[in-house]
Amino acid sequence: MADIFTRNNLIFEEQVITENRKKPDFVFPNGVCYHDICFPADGLIVLGVKTTCKDRWRQVLTEADRVDVKYLFTMQQGISKYQLKEMQD
């Protein structure tokens, strides 16, 4: 995943330590901006990458308190509409 971001000249950082020693998979643009309270939160993006969702998608919700909307990338197929609704809620 990081290779795709690098090849597309995106600014990002992997495994940034956030609140309570949490580590989201990717923070855009980087950890310095994340921890700079003057940097606008709406300029931050958090991406969780999980091979399968199961209950691990909930982990993404807690990994970065400054960011309200978090993104999840998974290769899992066949996620039910009920699980997607739960994730959305």
PDB file of N, CA and C in Angstrom:
ATOM      1  N   MET A   1       0.825  -1.183   0.000  1.00  0.00           N
ATOM      2  CA  MET A   1       0.000   0.000   0.000  1.00  0.00           C
ATOM      3  C   MET A   1       0.872   1.252   0.000  1.00  0.00           C
ATOM      4  N   ALA A   2       1.886   1.283   0.857  1.00  0.00           N
ATOM      5  CA  ALA A   2       2.760   2.450   0.932  1.00  0.00           C
ATOM      6  C   ALA A   2       3.437   2.712  -0.403  1.00  0.00           C
ATOM      7  N   ASP A   3       3.770   1.649  -1.121  1.00  0.00           N
ATOM      8  CA  ASP A   3       4.403   1.806  -2.423  1.00  0.00           C
ATOM      9  C   ASP A   3       3.480   2.544  -3.395  1.00  0.00           C
ATOM     10  N   ILE A   4       2.206   2.248  -3.353  1.00  0.00           N
ATOM     11  CA  ILE A   4       1.239   2.941  -4.216  1.00  0.00           C
ATOM     12  C   ILE A   4       1.210   4.426  -3.882  1.00  0.00           C
ATOM     13  N   PHE A   5       1.199   4.755  -2.604  1.00  0.00           N
ATOM     14  CA  PHE A   5       1.176   6.155  -2.197  1.00  0.00           C
ATOM     15  C   PHE A   5       2.459   6.870  -2.627  1.00  0.00           C
ATOM     16  N   THR A   6       3.587   6.217  -2.425  1.00  0.00           N
ATOM     17  CA  THR A   6       4.874   6.810  -2.796  1.00  0.00           C
ATOM     18  C   THR A   6       4.954   7.041  -4.296  1.00  0.00           C
ATOM     19  N   ARG A   7       4.556   6.068  -5.075  1.00  0.00           N
ATOM     20  CA  ARG A   7       4.595   6.195  -6.542  1.00  0.00           C
ATOM     21  C   ARG A   7       3.683   7.308  -7.053  1.00  0.00           C
ATOM     22  N   ASN A   8       2.689   7.655  -6.259  1.00  0.00           N
ATOM     23  CA  ASN A   8       1.771   8.725  -6.647  1.00  0.00           C
ATOM     24  C   ASN A   8       2.071  10.039  -5.933  1.00  0.00           C
ATOM     25  N   ASN A   9       3.269  10.108  -5.356  1.00  0.00           N
ATOM     26  CA  ASN A   9       3.775  11.326  -4.717  1.00  0.00           C
ATOM     27  C   ASN A   9       2.870  11.867  -3.605  1.00  0.00           C
ATOM     28  N   LEU A  10       2.240  10.962  -2.864  1.00  0.00           N
ATOM     29  CA  LEU A  10       1.421  11.381  -1.734  1.00  0.00           C
ATOM     30  C   LEU A  10       2.298  11.554  -0.497  1.00  0.00           C
ATOM     31  N   ILE A  11       1.939  12.501   0.310  1.00  0.00           N
ATOM     32  CA  ILE A  11       2.654  12.725   1.564  1.00  0.00           C
ATOM     33  C   ILE A  11       1.903  11.967   2.652  1.00  0.00           C
ATOM     34  N   PHE A  12       2.599  11.056   3.322  1.00  0.00           N
ATOM     35  CA  PHE A  12       1.968  10.223   4.333  1.00  0.00           C
ATOM     36  C   PHE A  12       3.027   9.706   5.293  1.00  0.00           C
ATOM     37  N   GLU A  13       2.554   9.132   6.381  1.00  0.00           N
ATOM     38  CA  GLU A  13       3.445   8.473   7.334  1.00  0.00           C
ATOM     39  C   GLU A  13       2.733   7.225   7.851  1.00  0.00           C
ATOM     40  N   GLU A  14       3.497   6.166   8.020  1.00  0.00           N
ATOM     41  CA  GLU A  14       2.955   4.912   8.535  1.00  0.00           C
ATOM     42  C   GLU A  14       3.134   4.827  10.042  1.00  0.00           C
ATOM     43  N   GLN A  15       2.170   4.178  10.695  1.00  0.00           N
ATOM     44  CA  GLN A  15       2.265   3.827  12.108  1.00  0.00           C
ATOM     45  C   GLN A  15       2.593   5.017  13.014  1.00  0.00           C
ATOM     46  N   VAL A  16       1.924   6.127  12.789  1.00  0.00           N
ATOM     47  CA  VAL A  16       2.088   7.299  13.651  1.00  0.00           C
ATOM     48  C   VAL A  16       1.492   6.966  15.017  1.00  0.00           C
ATOM     49  N   ILE A  17       2.205   7.295  16.066  1.00  0.00           N
ATOM     50  CA  ILE A  17       1.668   7.076  17.416  1.00  0.00           C
ATOM     51  C   ILE A  17       0.734   8.232  17.743  1.00  0.00           C
ATOM     52  N   THR A  18      -0.526   7.877  18.040  1.00  0.00           N
ATOM     53  CA  THR A  18      -1.528   8.891  18.386  1.00  0.00           C
ATOM     54  C   THR A  18      -1.860   8.760  19.860  1.00  0.00           C
ATOM     55  N   GLU A  19      -3.061   9.130  20.223  1.00  0.00           N
ATOM     56  CA  GLU A  19      -3.487   9.085  21.614  1.00  0.00           C
ATOM     57  C   GLU A  19      -3.429   7.650  22.149  1.00  0.00           C
ATOM     58  N   ASN A  20      -3.072   7.554  23.404  1.00  0.00           N
ATOM     59  CA  ASN A  20      -3.019   6.254  24.090  1.00  0.00           C
ATOM     60  C   ASN A  20      -2.179   5.209  23.351  1.00  0.00           C
ATOM     61  N   ARG A  21      -1.130   5.686  22.700  1.00  0.00           N
ATOM     62  CA  ARG A  21      -0.170   4.825  21.991  1.00  0.00           C
ATOM     63  C   ARG A  21      -0.801   3.985  20.883  1.00  0.00           C
ATOM     64  N   LYS A  22      -1.887   4.483  20.306  1.00  0.00           N
ATOM     65  CA  LYS A  22      -2.512   3.824  19.162  1.00  0.00           C
ATOM     66  C   LYS A  22      -1.684   4.113  17.919  1.00  0.00           C
ATOM     67  N   LYS A  23      -1.800   3.248  16.919  1.00  0.00           N
ATOM     68  CA  LYS A  23      -1.011   3.399  15.695  1.00  0.00           C
ATOM     69  C   LYS A  23      -1.863   3.098  14.465  1.00  0.00           C
ATOM     70  N   PRO A  24      -2.499   4.119  13.902  1.00  0.00           N
ATOM     71  CA  PRO A  24      -3.203   3.878  12.644  1.00  0.00           C
ATOM     72  C   PRO A  24      -2.193   3.478  11.564  1.00  0.00           C
ATOM     73  N   ASP A  25      -2.661   2.729  10.580  1.00  0.00           N
ATOM     74  CA  ASP A  25      -1.754   2.254   9.541  1.00  0.00           C
ATOM     75  C   ASP A  25      -1.144   3.403   8.745  1.00  0.00           C
ATOM     76  N   PHE A  26      -1.966   4.384   8.366  1.00  0.00           N
ATOM     77  CA  PHE A  26      -1.470   5.527   7.589  1.00  0.00           C
ATOM     78  C   PHE A  26      -2.129   6.811   8.073  1.00  0.00           C
ATOM     79  N   VAL A  27      -1.310   7.876   8.145  1.00  0.00           N
ATOM     80  CA  VAL A  27      -1.807   9.219   8.433  1.00  0.00           C
ATOM     81  C   VAL A  27      -1.330  10.121   7.302  1.00  0.00           C
ATOM     82  N   PHE A  28      -2.257  10.885   6.765  1.00  0.00           N
ATOM     83  CA  PHE A  28      -1.931  11.863   5.720  1.00  0.00           C
ATOM     84  C   PHE A  28      -2.185  13.238   6.295  1.00  0.00           C
ATOM     85  N   PRO A  29      -1.287  14.204   6.229  1.00  0.00           N
ATOM     86  CA  PRO A  29       0.000  14.090   5.587  1.00  0.00           C
ATOM     87  C   PRO A  29       1.051  13.389   6.441  1.00  0.00           C
ATOM     88  N   ASN A  30       1.058  13.579   7.770  1.00  0.00           N
ATOM     89  CA  ASN A  30       2.074  12.908   8.598  1.00  0.00           C
ATOM     90  C   ASN A  30       1.797  13.123  10.081  1.00  0.00           C
ATOM     91  N   GLY A  31       2.627  12.520  10.900  1.00  0.00           N
ATOM     92  CA  GLY A  31       2.470  12.619  12.343  1.00  0.00           C
ATOM     93  C   GLY A  31       2.735  14.002  12.900  1.00  0.00           C
ATOM     94  N   VAL A  32       3.651  14.734  12.296  1.00  0.00           N
ATOM     95  CA  VAL A  32       3.929  16.100  12.764  1.00  0.00           C
ATOM     96  C   VAL A  32       2.664  16.940  12.644  1.00  0.00           C
ATOM     97  N   CYS A  33       1.988  16.851  11.514  1.00  0.00           N
ATOM     98  CA  CYS A  33       0.749  17.604  11.324  1.00  0.00           C
ATOM     99  C   CYS A  33      -0.340  17.098  12.267  1.00  0.00           C
ATOM    100  N   TYR A  34      -0.400  15.788  12.459  1.00  0.00           N
ATOM    101  CA  TYR A  34      -1.409  15.224  13.353  1.00  0.00           C
ATOM    102  C   TYR A  34      -1.258  15.789  14.764  1.00  0.00           C
ATOM    103  N   HIS A  35      -0.034  15.887  15.243  1.00  0.00           N
ATOM    104  CA  HIS A  35       0.203  16.325  16.620  1.00  0.00           C
ATOM    105  C   HIS A  35       0.267  17.838  16.775  1.00  0.00           C
ATOM    106  N   ASP A  36       0.238  18.572  15.661  1.00  0.00           N
ATOM    107  CA  ASP A  36       0.227  20.036  15.700  1.00  0.00           C
ATOM    108  C   ASP A  36      -1.220  20.498  15.854  1.00  0.00           C
ATOM    109  N   ILE A  37      -1.583  20.938  17.042  1.00  0.00           N
ATOM    110  CA  ILE A  37      -2.963  21.332  17.322  1.00  0.00           C
ATOM    111  C   ILE A  37      -3.406  22.495  16.439  1.00  0.00           C
ATOM    112  N   CYS A  38      -2.469  23.237  15.879  1.00  0.00           N
ATOM    113  CA  CYS A  38      -2.804  24.346  14.977  1.00  0.00           C
ATOM    114  C   CYS A  38      -3.110  23.852  13.558  1.00  0.00           C
ATOM    115  N   PHE A  39      -2.701  22.633  13.246  1.00  0.00           N
ATOM    116  CA  PHE A  39      -3.004  22.075  11.928  1.00  0.00           C
ATOM    117  C   PHE A  39      -4.475  21.664  11.932  1.00  0.00           C
ATOM    118  N   PRO A  40      -5.250  22.116  10.940  1.00  0.00           N
ATOM    119  CA  PRO A  40      -6.689  21.810  10.953  1.00  0.00           C
ATOM    120  C   PRO A  40      -6.980  20.319  10.840  1.00  0.00           C
ATOM    121  N   ALA A  41      -7.832  19.838  11.707  1.00  0.00           N
ATOM    122  CA  ALA A  41      -8.181  18.414  11.725  1.00  0.00           C
ATOM    123  C   ALA A  41      -8.796  17.973  10.407  1.00  0.00           C
ATOM    124  N   ASP A  42      -9.510  18.888   9.721  1.00  0.00           N
ATOM    125  CA  ASP A  42     -10.119  18.500   8.454  1.00  0.00           C
ATOM    126  C   ASP A  42      -9.093  18.348   7.332  1.00  0.00           C
ATOM    127  N   GLY A  43      -7.842  18.644   7.624  1.00  0.00           N
ATOM    128  CA  GLY A  43      -6.757  18.425   6.671  1.00  0.00           C
ATOM    129  C   GLY A  43      -6.027  17.114   6.900  1.00  0.00           C
ATOM    130  N   LEU A  44      -6.505  16.335   7.866  1.00  0.00           N
ATOM    131  CA  LEU A  44      -5.902  15.047   8.200  1.00  0.00           C
ATOM    132  C   LEU A  44      -6.761  13.903   7.662  1.00  0.00           C
ATOM    133  N   ILE A  45      -6.104  12.852   7.222  1.00  0.00           N
ATOM    134  CA  ILE A  45      -6.795  11.639   6.792  1.00  0.00           C
ATOM    135  C   ILE A  45      -6.149  10.461   7.496  1.00  0.00           C
ATOM    136  N   VAL A  46      -6.985   9.571   8.002  1.00  0.00           N
ATOM    137  CA  VAL A  46      -6.508   8.348   8.647  1.00  0.00           C
ATOM    138  C   VAL A  46      -7.048   7.163   7.858  1.00  0.00           C
ATOM    139  N   LEU A  47      -6.149   6.243   7.525  1.00  0.00           N
ATOM    140  CA  LEU A  47      -6.521   5.051   6.762  1.00  0.00           C
ATOM    141  C   LEU A  47      -6.086   3.812   7.518  1.00  0.00           C
ATOM    142  N   GLY A  48      -7.043   2.961   7.805  1.00  0.00           N
ATOM    143  CA  GLY A  48      -6.754   1.659   8.392  1.00  0.00           C
ATOM    144  C   GLY A  48      -6.763   0.612   7.290  1.00  0.00           C
ATOM    145  N   VAL A  49      -5.809  -0.298   7.333  1.00  0.00           N
ATOM    146  CA  VAL A  49      -5.711  -1.358   6.335  1.00  0.00           C
ATOM    147  C   VAL A  49      -5.819  -2.692   7.064  1.00  0.00           C
ATOM    148  N   LYS A  50      -6.837  -3.450   6.719  1.00  0.00           N
ATOM    149  CA  LYS A  50      -7.078  -4.729   7.372  1.00  0.00           C
ATOM    150  C   LYS A  50      -7.287  -5.798   6.305  1.00  0.00           C
ATOM    151  N   THR A  51      -6.645  -6.935   6.464  1.00  0.00           N
ATOM    152  CA  THR A  51      -6.822  -8.037   5.523  1.00  0.00           C
ATOM    153  C   THR A  51      -8.269  -8.489   5.518  1.00  0.00           C
ATOM    154  N   THR A  52      -8.828  -8.646   6.708  1.00  0.00           N
ATOM    155  CA  THR A  52     -10.242  -8.974   6.845  1.00  0.00           C
ATOM    156  C   THR A  52     -10.852  -8.011   7.848  1.00  0.00           C
ATOM    157  N   CYS A  53     -12.139  -7.805   7.727  1.00  0.00           N
ATOM    158  CA  CYS A  53     -12.806  -6.867   8.634  1.00  0.00           C
ATOM    159  C   CYS A  53     -13.154  -7.510   9.961  1.00  0.00           C
ATOM    160  N   LYS A  54     -13.925  -8.586   9.918  1.00  0.00           N
ATOM    161  CA  LYS A  54     -14.438  -9.222  11.130  1.00  0.00           C
ATOM    162  C   LYS A  54     -14.762  -8.132  12.144  1.00  0.00           C
ATOM    163  N   ASP A  55     -14.171  -8.167  13.307  1.00  0.00           N
ATOM    164  CA  ASP A  55     -14.389  -7.105  14.285  1.00  0.00           C
ATOM    165  C   ASP A  55     -13.226  -6.116  14.314  1.00  0.00           C
ATOM    166  N   ARG A  56     -12.228  -6.322  13.477  1.00  0.00           N
ATOM    167  CA  ARG A  56     -11.051  -5.450  13.499  1.00  0.00           C
ATOM    168  C   ARG A  56     -11.346  -4.053  12.981  1.00  0.00           C
ATOM    169  N   TRP A  57     -12.434  -3.883  12.226  1.00  0.00           N
ATOM    170  CA  TRP A  57     -12.756  -2.553  11.727  1.00  0.00           C
ATOM    171  C   TRP A  57     -13.009  -1.579  12.873  1.00  0.00           C
ATOM    172  N   ARG A  58     -13.469  -2.089  14.012  1.00  0.00           N
ATOM    173  CA  ARG A  58     -13.724  -1.215  15.165  1.00  0.00           C
ATOM    174  C   ARG A  58     -12.433  -0.567  15.672  1.00  0.00           C
ATOM    175  N   GLN A  59     -11.340  -1.262  15.503  1.00  0.00           N
ATOM    176  CA  GLN A  59     -10.031  -0.739  15.919  1.00  0.00           C
ATOM    177  C   GLN A  59      -9.737   0.585  15.224  1.00  0.00           C
ATOM    178  N   VAL A  60     -10.097   0.701  13.960  1.00  0.00           N
ATOM    179  CA  VAL A  60      -9.839   1.916  13.182  1.00  0.00           C
ATOM    180  C   VAL A  60     -10.521   3.125  13.818  1.00  0.00           C
ATOM    181  N   LEU A  61     -11.680   2.923  14.413  1.00  0.00           N
ATOM    182  CA  LEU A  61     -12.442   4.021  15.003  1.00  0.00           C
ATOM    183  C   LEU A  61     -11.724   4.682  16.171  1.00  0.00           C
ATOM    184  N   THR A  62     -10.876   3.940  16.850  1.00  0.00           N
ATOM    185  CA  THR A  62     -10.239   4.452  18.074  1.00  0.00           C
ATOM    186  C   THR A  62      -8.802   4.924  17.874  1.00  0.00           C
ATOM    187  N   GLU A  63      -8.297   4.851  16.670  1.00  0.00           N
ATOM    188  CA  GLU A  63      -6.860   5.070  16.471  1.00  0.00           C
ATOM    189  C   GLU A  63      -6.426   6.525  16.320  1.00  0.00           C
ATOM    190  N   ALA A  64      -7.350   7.448  16.120  1.00  0.00           N
ATOM    191  CA  ALA A  64      -6.961   8.843  15.923  1.00  0.00           C
ATOM    192  C   ALA A  64      -8.107   9.752  16.362  1.00  0.00           C
ATOM    193  N   ASP A  65      -8.031  10.267  17.562  1.00  0.00           N
ATOM    194  CA  ASP A  65      -9.121  11.065  18.135  1.00  0.00           C
ATOM    195  C   ASP A  65      -9.370  12.375  17.392  1.00  0.00           C
ATOM    196  N   ARG A  66      -8.345  12.943  16.779  1.00  0.00           N
ATOM    197  CA  ARG A  66      -8.505  14.235  16.112  1.00  0.00           C
ATOM    198  C   ARG A  66      -9.318  14.146  14.829  1.00  0.00           C
ATOM    199  N   VAL A  67      -9.447  12.965  14.275  1.00  0.00           N
ATOM    200  CA  VAL A  67     -10.094  12.797  12.973  1.00  0.00           C
ATOM    201  C   VAL A  67     -11.452  12.127  13.164  1.00  0.00           C
ATOM    202  N   ASP A  68     -12.492  12.802  12.707  1.00  0.00           N
ATOM    203  CA  ASP A  68     -13.842  12.251  12.862  1.00  0.00           C
ATOM    204  C   ASP A  68     -14.141  11.151  11.851  1.00  0.00           C
ATOM    205  N   VAL A  69     -13.787  11.371  10.596  1.00  0.00           N
ATOM    206  CA  VAL A  69     -14.060  10.393   9.538  1.00  0.00           C
ATOM    207  C   VAL A  69     -12.782   9.623   9.258  1.00  0.00           C
ATOM    208  N   LYS A  70     -12.862   8.316   9.426  1.00  0.00           N
ATOM    209  CA  LYS A  70     -11.713   7.453   9.171  1.00  0.00           C
ATOM    210  C   LYS A  70     -12.034   6.546   7.987  1.00  0.00           C
ATOM    211  N   TYR A  71     -11.001   6.091   7.309  1.00  0.00           N
ATOM    212  CA  TYR A  71     -11.179   5.250   6.139  1.00  0.00           C
ATOM    213  C   TYR A  71     -10.587   3.874   6.393  1.00  0.00           C
ATOM    214  N   LEU A  72     -11.214   2.877   5.788  1.00  0.00           N
ATOM    215  CA  LEU A  72     -10.798   1.495   5.951  1.00  0.00           C
ATOM    216  C   LEU A  72     -10.628   0.866   4.581  1.00  0.00           C
ATOM    217  N   PHE A  73      -9.483   0.223   4.369  1.00  0.00           N
ATOM    218  CA  PHE A  73      -9.218  -0.523   3.143  1.00  0.00           C
ATOM    219  C   PHE A  73      -9.090  -1.987   3.523  1.00  0.00           C
ATOM    220  N   THR A  74      -9.811  -2.838   2.793  1.00  0.00           N
ATOM    221  CA  THR A  74      -9.723  -4.274   3.037  1.00  0.00           C
ATOM    222  C   THR A  74      -9.828  -5.021   1.717  1.00  0.00           C
ATOM    223  N   MET A  75      -9.252  -6.212   1.686  1.00  0.00           N
ATOM    224  CA  MET A  75      -9.355  -7.086   0.527  1.00  0.00           C
ATOM    225  C   MET A  75     -10.457  -8.122   0.728  1.00  0.00           C
ATOM    226  N   GLN A  76     -11.105  -8.092   1.871  1.00  0.00           N
ATOM    227  CA  GLN A  76     -12.136  -9.078   2.177  1.00  0.00           C
ATOM    228  C   GLN A  76     -13.302  -8.938   1.208  1.00  0.00           C
ATOM    229  N   GLN A  77     -13.734 -10.047   0.698  1.00  0.00           N
ATOM    230  CA  GLN A  77     -14.903 -10.077  -0.170  1.00  0.00           C
ATOM    231  C   GLN A  77     -16.106 -10.534   0.620  1.00  0.00           C
ATOM    232  N   GLY A  78     -17.273 -10.203   0.124  1.00  0.00           N
ATOM    233  CA  GLY A  78     -18.498 -10.727   0.704  1.00  0.00           C
ATOM    234  C   GLY A  78     -18.887 -10.135   2.037  1.00  0.00           C
ATOM    235  N   ILE A  79     -18.563  -8.876   2.269  1.00  0.00           N
ATOM    236  CA  ILE A  79     -19.007  -8.219   3.503  1.00  0.00           C
ATOM    237  C   ILE A  79     -20.512  -8.001   3.379  1.00  0.00           C
ATOM    238  N   SER A  80     -21.246  -8.390   4.397  1.00  0.00           N
ATOM    239  CA  SER A  80     -22.705  -8.302   4.330  1.00  0.00           C
ATOM    240  C   SER A  80     -23.169  -6.849   4.433  1.00  0.00           C
ATOM    241  N   LYS A  81     -24.362  -6.610   3.926  1.00  0.00           N
ATOM    242  CA  LYS A  81     -24.912  -5.255   4.010  1.00  0.00           C
ATOM    243  C   LYS A  81     -25.150  -4.861   5.465  1.00  0.00           C
ATOM    244  N   TYR A  82     -25.385  -5.848   6.329  1.00  0.00           N
ATOM    245  CA  TYR A  82     -25.585  -5.563   7.749  1.00  0.00           C
ATOM    246  C   TYR A  82     -24.281  -5.111   8.403  1.00  0.00           C
ATOM    247  N   GLN A  83     -23.184  -5.759   8.028  1.00  0.00           N
ATOM    248  CA  GLN A  83     -21.897  -5.347   8.589  1.00  0.00           C
ATOM    249  C   GLN A  83     -21.516  -3.955   8.066  1.00  0.00           C
ATOM    250  N   LEU A  84     -21.784  -3.685   6.796  1.00  0.00           N
ATOM    251  CA  LEU A  84     -21.501  -2.359   6.248  1.00  0.00           C
ATOM    252  C   LEU A  84     -22.335  -1.292   6.945  1.00  0.00           C
ATOM    253  N   LYS A  85     -23.580  -1.609   7.252  1.00  0.00           N
ATOM    254  CA  LYS A  85     -24.445  -0.661   7.957  1.00  0.00           C
ATOM    255  C   LYS A  85     -23.913  -0.399   9.364  1.00  0.00           C
ATOM    256  N   GLU A  86     -23.466  -1.458  10.031  1.00  0.00           N
ATOM    257  CA  GLU A  86     -22.888  -1.301  11.362  1.00  0.00           C
ATOM    258  C   GLU A  86     -21.638  -0.429  11.304  1.00  0.00           C
ATOM    259  N   MET A  87     -20.809  -0.631  10.300  1.00  0.00           N
ATOM    260  CA  MET A  87     -19.609   0.189  10.140  1.00  0.00           C
ATOM    261  C   MET A  87     -19.976   1.651   9.916  1.00  0.00           C
ATOM    262  N   GLN A  88     -20.964   1.880   9.082  1.00  0.00           N
ATOM    263  CA  GLN A  88     -21.386   3.242   8.790  1.00  0.00           C
ATOM    264  C   GLN A  88     -21.914   3.932  10.033  1.00  0.00           C
ATOM    265  N   ASP A  89     -22.733   3.217  10.796  1.00  0.00           N
ATOM    266  CA  ASP A  89     -23.322   3.801  12.022  1.00  0.00           C
ATOM    267  C   ASP A  89     -22.253   4.122  13.040  1.00  0.00           C
TER     268      ASP A  89
END
